[in-house]
């Protein structure tokens, strides 16, 4: 998830600094940075909710009848 990587990059740039870019260490109150953290956090939360909802709605595997009329091994729908 790209928004999560952006949040990690933001935290790294404010704590330890990034290679060849140490100008933002400790600069937590920049307005665009705060807005970015809010938007990226909302995207991470929304994507997580959608993924959990899809996982909850995943259909159960169903048994497919074999040539002899008996149920065979379960086959998952792709």
N, C-alpha and C. Protein backbone atom coordinates (compact mmCIF):
# COMPACT_ATOMS: atom_id res chain seq x y z
N UNK A 1 0.83 -1.16 0.00
CA UNK A 1 0.00 0.00 0.00
C UNK A 1 0.89 1.25 0.00
N UNK A 2 0.78 1.98 -1.04
CA UNK A 2 1.61 3.17 -1.21
C UNK A 2 1.38 4.22 -0.13
N UNK A 3 0.14 4.50 0.29
CA UNK A 3 -0.02 5.50 1.35
C UNK A 3 0.70 5.14 2.64
N UNK A 4 0.78 3.85 2.97
CA UNK A 4 1.50 3.44 4.18
C UNK A 4 2.98 3.73 4.03
N UNK A 5 3.53 3.52 2.83
CA UNK A 5 4.94 3.83 2.60
C UNK A 5 5.21 5.32 2.69
N UNK A 6 4.25 6.14 2.25
CA UNK A 6 4.40 7.58 2.37
C UNK A 6 4.43 7.99 3.83
N UNK A 7 3.57 7.39 4.66
CA UNK A 7 3.58 7.69 6.09
C UNK A 7 4.90 7.29 6.73
N UNK A 8 5.43 6.14 6.36
CA UNK A 8 6.72 5.70 6.89
C UNK A 8 7.82 6.67 6.48
N UNK A 9 7.80 7.10 5.23
CA UNK A 9 8.79 8.07 4.76
C UNK A 9 8.69 9.39 5.50
N UNK A 10 7.47 9.83 5.80
CA UNK A 10 7.27 11.07 6.54
C UNK A 10 7.87 10.96 7.94
N UNK A 11 7.58 9.85 8.62
CA UNK A 11 8.10 9.65 9.97
C UNK A 11 9.62 9.56 9.95
N UNK A 12 10.16 8.84 8.99
CA UNK A 12 11.63 8.74 8.89
C UNK A 12 12.27 10.09 8.62
N UNK A 13 11.66 10.89 7.76
CA UNK A 13 12.26 12.19 7.44
C UNK A 13 12.21 13.14 8.63
N UNK A 14 11.26 12.94 9.56
CA UNK A 14 11.15 13.81 10.73
C UNK A 14 11.95 13.31 11.92
N UNK A 15 12.32 12.02 11.94
CA UNK A 15 13.03 11.47 13.09
C UNK A 15 14.52 11.33 12.81
N UNK A 16 14.90 10.39 11.96
CA UNK A 16 16.32 10.13 11.71
C UNK A 16 16.84 10.86 10.48
N UNK A 17 15.93 11.32 9.64
CA UNK A 17 16.34 11.96 8.39
C UNK A 17 16.56 10.93 7.31
N UNK A 18 16.44 11.37 6.07
CA UNK A 18 16.67 10.50 4.93
C UNK A 18 18.07 10.75 4.39
N UNK A 19 18.62 9.81 3.63
CA UNK A 19 19.96 10.03 3.08
C UNK A 19 20.01 11.33 2.26
N UNK A 20 20.98 12.15 2.54
CA UNK A 20 21.22 13.43 1.87
C UNK A 20 20.07 14.41 2.04
N UNK A 21 19.20 14.22 3.05
CA UNK A 21 18.11 15.15 3.31
C UNK A 21 17.80 15.15 4.80
N UNK A 22 18.48 15.99 5.54
CA UNK A 22 18.28 16.06 6.99
C UNK A 22 17.63 17.37 7.41
N UNK A 23 17.15 18.16 6.45
CA UNK A 23 16.59 19.47 6.75
C UNK A 23 15.26 19.46 7.48
N UNK A 24 14.52 18.34 7.45
CA UNK A 24 13.20 18.29 8.08
C UNK A 24 13.17 17.57 9.42
N UNK A 25 14.32 17.21 9.96
CA UNK A 25 14.34 16.51 11.24
C UNK A 25 13.72 17.42 12.30
N UNK A 26 12.72 16.90 12.99
CA UNK A 26 12.04 17.63 14.05
C UNK A 26 10.98 18.61 13.56
N UNK A 27 10.74 18.73 12.27
CA UNK A 27 9.79 19.68 11.72
C UNK A 27 8.41 19.03 11.60
N UNK A 28 7.77 18.75 12.73
CA UNK A 28 6.50 18.05 12.76
C UNK A 28 5.31 18.96 12.50
N UNK A 29 5.47 20.28 12.65
CA UNK A 29 4.32 21.19 12.59
C UNK A 29 4.13 21.86 11.24
N UNK A 30 4.74 21.37 10.20
CA UNK A 30 4.55 21.93 8.87
C UNK A 30 3.13 21.63 8.39
N UNK A 31 2.36 22.65 7.97
CA UNK A 31 0.95 22.44 7.61
C UNK A 31 0.75 21.41 6.49
N UNK A 32 1.56 21.43 5.46
CA UNK A 32 1.39 20.45 4.39
C UNK A 32 1.72 19.03 4.86
N UNK A 33 2.65 18.91 5.78
CA UNK A 33 2.98 17.60 6.34
C UNK A 33 1.85 17.04 7.16
N UNK A 34 1.22 17.90 7.95
CA UNK A 34 0.08 17.46 8.76
C UNK A 34 -1.08 17.05 7.85
N UNK A 35 -1.34 17.83 6.81
CA UNK A 35 -2.40 17.47 5.86
C UNK A 35 -2.09 16.15 5.17
N UNK A 36 -0.84 15.95 4.80
CA UNK A 36 -0.45 14.70 4.15
C UNK A 36 -0.65 13.50 5.07
N UNK A 37 -0.28 13.65 6.34
CA UNK A 37 -0.46 12.56 7.29
C UNK A 37 -1.95 12.24 7.44
N UNK A 38 -2.79 13.26 7.49
CA UNK A 38 -4.23 13.03 7.62
C UNK A 38 -4.79 12.29 6.39
N UNK A 39 -4.44 12.77 5.19
CA UNK A 39 -4.97 12.15 3.97
C UNK A 39 -4.44 10.73 3.79
N UNK A 40 -3.14 10.54 3.99
CA UNK A 40 -2.57 9.20 3.82
C UNK A 40 -3.11 8.24 4.87
N UNK A 41 -3.31 8.71 6.10
CA UNK A 41 -3.89 7.86 7.14
C UNK A 41 -5.31 7.46 6.80
N UNK A 42 -6.08 8.41 6.24
CA UNK A 42 -7.46 8.09 5.83
C UNK A 42 -7.46 7.06 4.71
N UNK A 43 -6.53 7.17 3.77
CA UNK A 43 -6.46 6.20 2.68
C UNK A 43 -6.08 4.81 3.19
N UNK A 44 -5.15 4.75 4.14
CA UNK A 44 -4.77 3.46 4.72
C UNK A 44 -5.97 2.84 5.44
N UNK A 45 -6.70 3.64 6.20
CA UNK A 45 -7.87 3.13 6.93
C UNK A 45 -8.95 2.65 5.95
N UNK A 46 -9.21 3.42 4.90
CA UNK A 46 -10.22 3.04 3.93
C UNK A 46 -9.84 1.76 3.19
N UNK A 47 -8.59 1.68 2.75
CA UNK A 47 -8.14 0.48 2.04
C UNK A 47 -8.20 -0.75 2.95
N UNK A 48 -7.84 -0.59 4.21
CA UNK A 48 -7.91 -1.71 5.15
C UNK A 48 -9.34 -2.18 5.35
N UNK A 49 -10.27 -1.23 5.46
CA UNK A 49 -11.67 -1.58 5.63
C UNK A 49 -12.21 -2.32 4.41
N UNK A 50 -11.85 -1.86 3.22
CA UNK A 50 -12.31 -2.52 1.99
C UNK A 50 -11.74 -3.93 1.89
N UNK A 51 -10.46 -4.10 2.20
CA UNK A 51 -9.86 -5.42 2.14
C UNK A 51 -10.47 -6.38 3.15
N UNK A 52 -10.76 -5.90 4.35
CA UNK A 52 -11.38 -6.76 5.36
C UNK A 52 -12.80 -7.14 4.95
N UNK A 53 -13.53 -6.20 4.33
CA UNK A 53 -14.89 -6.49 3.86
C UNK A 53 -14.87 -7.54 2.75
N UNK A 54 -13.94 -7.41 1.83
CA UNK A 54 -13.84 -8.40 0.74
C UNK A 54 -13.49 -9.77 1.28
N UNK A 55 -12.60 -9.80 2.27
CA UNK A 55 -12.22 -11.09 2.85
C UNK A 55 -13.40 -11.73 3.56
N UNK A 56 -14.23 -10.91 4.21
CA UNK A 56 -15.39 -11.44 4.92
C UNK A 56 -16.45 -11.97 3.95
N UNK A 57 -16.53 -11.41 2.76
CA UNK A 57 -17.53 -11.83 1.77
C UNK A 57 -17.04 -12.94 0.84
N UNK A 58 -15.85 -13.43 1.04
CA UNK A 58 -15.30 -14.48 0.17
C UNK A 58 -16.19 -15.72 0.25
N UNK A 59 -16.63 -16.24 -0.89
CA UNK A 59 -17.52 -17.42 -0.88
C UNK A 59 -16.78 -18.66 -0.39
N UNK A 60 -17.56 -19.54 0.21
CA UNK A 60 -17.01 -20.82 0.67
C UNK A 60 -16.75 -21.71 -0.54
N UNK A 61 -15.72 -22.56 -0.48
CA UNK A 61 -15.50 -23.51 -1.60
C UNK A 61 -16.68 -24.47 -1.71
N UNK A 62 -17.05 -24.79 -2.92
CA UNK A 62 -18.18 -25.70 -3.13
C UNK A 62 -17.69 -27.01 -3.71
N UNK A 63 -18.42 -28.05 -3.43
CA UNK A 63 -18.06 -29.37 -3.94
C UNK A 63 -18.60 -29.53 -5.35
N UNK A 64 -17.79 -30.09 -6.22
CA UNK A 64 -18.19 -30.33 -7.62
C UNK A 64 -18.43 -31.82 -7.78
N UNK A 65 -19.60 -32.18 -8.32
CA UNK A 65 -19.89 -33.61 -8.51
C UNK A 65 -18.88 -34.25 -9.47
N UNK A 66 -18.51 -35.47 -9.15
CA UNK A 66 -17.59 -36.19 -10.04
C UNK A 66 -18.39 -36.89 -11.13
N UNK A 67 -17.73 -37.63 -11.99
CA UNK A 67 -18.39 -38.33 -13.09
C UNK A 67 -19.32 -39.43 -12.59
N UNK A 68 -19.10 -39.91 -11.35
CA UNK A 68 -19.91 -40.99 -10.80
C UNK A 68 -21.10 -40.47 -10.00
N UNK A 69 -21.33 -39.17 -9.99
CA UNK A 69 -22.48 -38.62 -9.31
C UNK A 69 -22.25 -38.29 -7.85
N UNK A 70 -21.05 -38.56 -7.35
CA UNK A 70 -20.76 -38.23 -5.95
C UNK A 70 -19.96 -36.93 -5.92
N UNK A 71 -20.06 -36.25 -4.81
CA UNK A 71 -19.33 -34.98 -4.65
C UNK A 71 -17.84 -35.27 -4.59
N UNK A 72 -17.09 -34.51 -5.31
CA UNK A 72 -15.66 -34.65 -5.31
C UNK A 72 -15.00 -33.66 -4.35
N UNK A 73 -13.79 -33.35 -4.63
CA UNK A 73 -13.05 -32.42 -3.77
C UNK A 73 -13.58 -31.01 -3.96
N UNK A 74 -13.52 -30.19 -2.91
CA UNK A 74 -13.98 -28.80 -3.03
C UNK A 74 -13.16 -28.04 -4.06
N UNK A 75 -13.84 -27.19 -4.81
CA UNK A 75 -13.17 -26.37 -5.81
C UNK A 75 -13.43 -24.93 -5.44
N UNK A 76 -12.38 -24.15 -5.35
CA UNK A 76 -12.57 -22.74 -4.98
C UNK A 76 -12.83 -21.92 -6.23
N UNK A 77 -13.72 -20.94 -6.08
CA UNK A 77 -14.04 -20.03 -7.19
C UNK A 77 -12.98 -18.96 -7.25
N UNK A 78 -12.44 -18.74 -8.42
CA UNK A 78 -11.38 -17.73 -8.57
C UNK A 78 -11.92 -16.43 -9.08
